[in-house]
Amino acid sequence: MAIKITDECINCGACEPECPNNAIYEAGAEWAWADGNSLSGIISIDGESVDAGQRHAPVSNDVYYIVTEKCTECVGFHEEPQCAAVCPVDCCVPDPDHVETKERLTEKKDRMHG
């Protein structure tokens, strides 16, 4: 499953540079598929064509957040999610609303870093 950041986040920013997918953003920051990976131009995300560089509205305006669609739980990079490993207040936790198999997480990783 993807990882989420809870409201207990103290906005320290320790998690952001640890994410190999650039799926973690500061509160209020817009995000794009192309941030921090090899995606460019028009791409297919689950059968939908999207502009990889298009900016999207922030998921949270209060605390750091993780873009679920970009989170691979560090599969293919590390043995465990690095955001959770470095979080001083343990607010990077599994998101039960976005359960994914290791195969699906690997597919997402391969798509972004192919």
Protein backbone atom coordinates (compact mmCIF):
# COMPACT_ATOMS: atom_id res chain seq x y z
CA MET A 1 0.00 0.00 0.00
CA ALA A 2 1.07 3.57 -0.44
CA ILE A 3 2.37 5.56 2.48
CA LYS A 4 0.59 8.63 3.81
CA ILE A 5 1.64 11.43 6.11
CA THR A 6 -0.66 12.01 9.06
CA ASP A 7 -1.72 15.29 10.64
CA GLU A 8 0.90 14.71 13.35
CA CYS A 9 3.54 15.87 10.81
CA ILE A 10 5.75 18.63 12.26
CA ASN A 11 6.79 19.84 8.77
CA CYS A 12 10.47 19.08 9.42
CA GLY A 13 11.05 18.04 5.80
CA ALA A 14 13.25 15.02 6.64
CA CYS A 15 11.16 12.74 4.42
CA GLU A 16 11.16 14.76 1.19
CA PRO A 17 14.78 14.24 0.06
CA GLU A 18 14.61 10.52 0.93
CA CYS A 19 11.86 9.70 -1.60
CA PRO A 20 13.30 8.11 -4.76
CA ASN A 21 10.08 8.89 -6.65
CA ASN A 22 9.80 12.53 -5.61
CA ALA A 23 6.32 11.69 -4.34
CA ILE A 24 6.64 13.84 -1.21
CA TYR A 25 5.86 17.54 -1.33
CA GLU A 26 5.86 20.43 1.10
CA ALA A 27 2.47 21.65 2.30
CA GLY A 28 0.84 23.82 -0.33
CA ALA A 29 3.24 22.85 -3.14
CA GLU A 30 1.86 21.81 -6.53
CA TRP A 31 3.04 18.47 -7.92
CA ALA A 32 3.64 16.91 -11.35
CA TRP A 33 4.22 13.40 -12.64
CA ALA A 34 7.55 14.48 -14.16
CA ASP A 35 9.03 15.76 -10.91
CA GLY A 36 12.16 13.78 -10.09
CA ASN A 37 11.90 11.01 -12.68
CA SER A 38 12.25 10.26 -16.39
CA LEU A 39 8.64 10.98 -17.41
CA SER A 40 8.02 13.65 -20.05
CA GLY A 41 5.41 14.66 -22.60
CA ILE A 42 2.07 12.87 -22.77
CA ILE A 43 2.09 9.66 -20.74
CA SER A 44 -0.43 6.94 -19.94
CA ILE A 45 -1.39 6.57 -16.30
CA ASP A 46 -3.70 3.60 -15.82
CA GLY A 47 -5.01 4.01 -19.36
CA GLU A 48 -5.52 7.77 -19.15
CA SER A 49 -3.35 10.16 -21.16
CA VAL A 50 -1.88 12.96 -19.07
CA ASP A 51 0.77 15.64 -19.53
CA ALA A 52 3.66 14.61 -17.28
CA GLY A 53 4.62 18.23 -16.69
CA GLN A 54 1.15 19.50 -15.78
CA ARG A 55 1.06 20.95 -12.26
CA HIS A 56 -1.62 19.58 -9.91
CA ALA A 57 -3.19 21.11 -6.84
CA PRO A 58 -1.57 20.31 -3.49
CA VAL A 59 -2.96 17.32 -1.62
CA SER A 60 -2.47 19.21 1.66
CA ASN A 61 -1.99 22.85 2.53
CA ASP A 62 -1.14 22.09 6.17
CA VAL A 63 1.52 19.35 6.27
CA TYR A 64 3.92 17.58 3.91
CA TYR A 65 2.05 15.10 1.74
CA ILE A 66 2.66 12.04 -0.44
CA VAL A 67 1.16 11.73 -3.93
CA THR A 68 -0.33 8.25 -3.66
CA GLU A 69 -0.07 7.58 -7.39
CA LYS A 70 3.72 8.18 -7.30
CA CYS A 71 4.45 6.29 -4.06
CA THR A 72 6.00 2.85 -4.50
CA GLU A 73 6.92 2.32 -0.83
CA CYS A 74 10.53 2.51 -2.10
CA VAL A 75 10.11 -0.88 -3.85
CA GLY A 76 13.05 -1.38 -6.19
CA PHE A 77 15.17 1.14 -4.29
CA HIS A 78 15.20 0.23 -0.59
CA GLU A 79 14.07 -2.55 1.75
CA GLU A 80 11.63 -0.24 3.55
CA PRO A 81 9.92 3.10 2.91
CA GLN A 82 12.59 5.70 3.59
CA CYS A 83 10.14 8.42 4.62
CA ALA A 84 8.99 6.25 7.52
CA ALA A 85 12.57 5.33 8.41
CA VAL A 86 13.64 8.97 8.84
CA CYS A 87 10.45 10.51 10.26
CA PRO A 88 11.15 11.73 13.81
CA VAL A 89 7.48 11.61 14.83
CA ASP A 90 6.41 8.40 13.03
CA CYS A 91 3.76 10.11 10.92
CA CYS A 92 4.64 8.32 7.64
CA VAL A 93 2.38 5.29 7.85
CA PRO A 94 0.77 2.74 5.51
CA ASP A 95 -2.37 4.07 3.84
CA PRO A 96 -5.11 1.42 4.22
CA ASP A 97 -7.17 3.21 1.54
CA HIS A 98 -4.48 2.50 -1.10
CA VAL A 99 -3.40 -1.12 -0.81
CA GLU A 100 -1.19 -2.31 -3.69
CA THR A 101 0.70 -5.51 -4.40
CA LYS A 102 4.48 -5.58 -4.71
CA GLU A 103 3.97 -6.26 -8.43
CA ARG A 104 1.85 -3.11 -8.83
CA LEU A 105 4.41 -1.05 -6.89
CA THR A 106 7.15 -2.41 -9.15
CA GLU A 107 5.12 -1.48 -12.25
CA LYS A 108 4.75 2.08 -10.95
CA LYS A 109 8.49 2.29 -10.24
CA ASP A 110 9.34 0.97 -13.71
CA ARG A 111 6.96 3.44 -15.38
CA MET A 112 8.54 6.42 -13.63
CA HIS A 113 12.15 5.32 -13.88
CA GLY A 114 12.11 3.13 -17.01
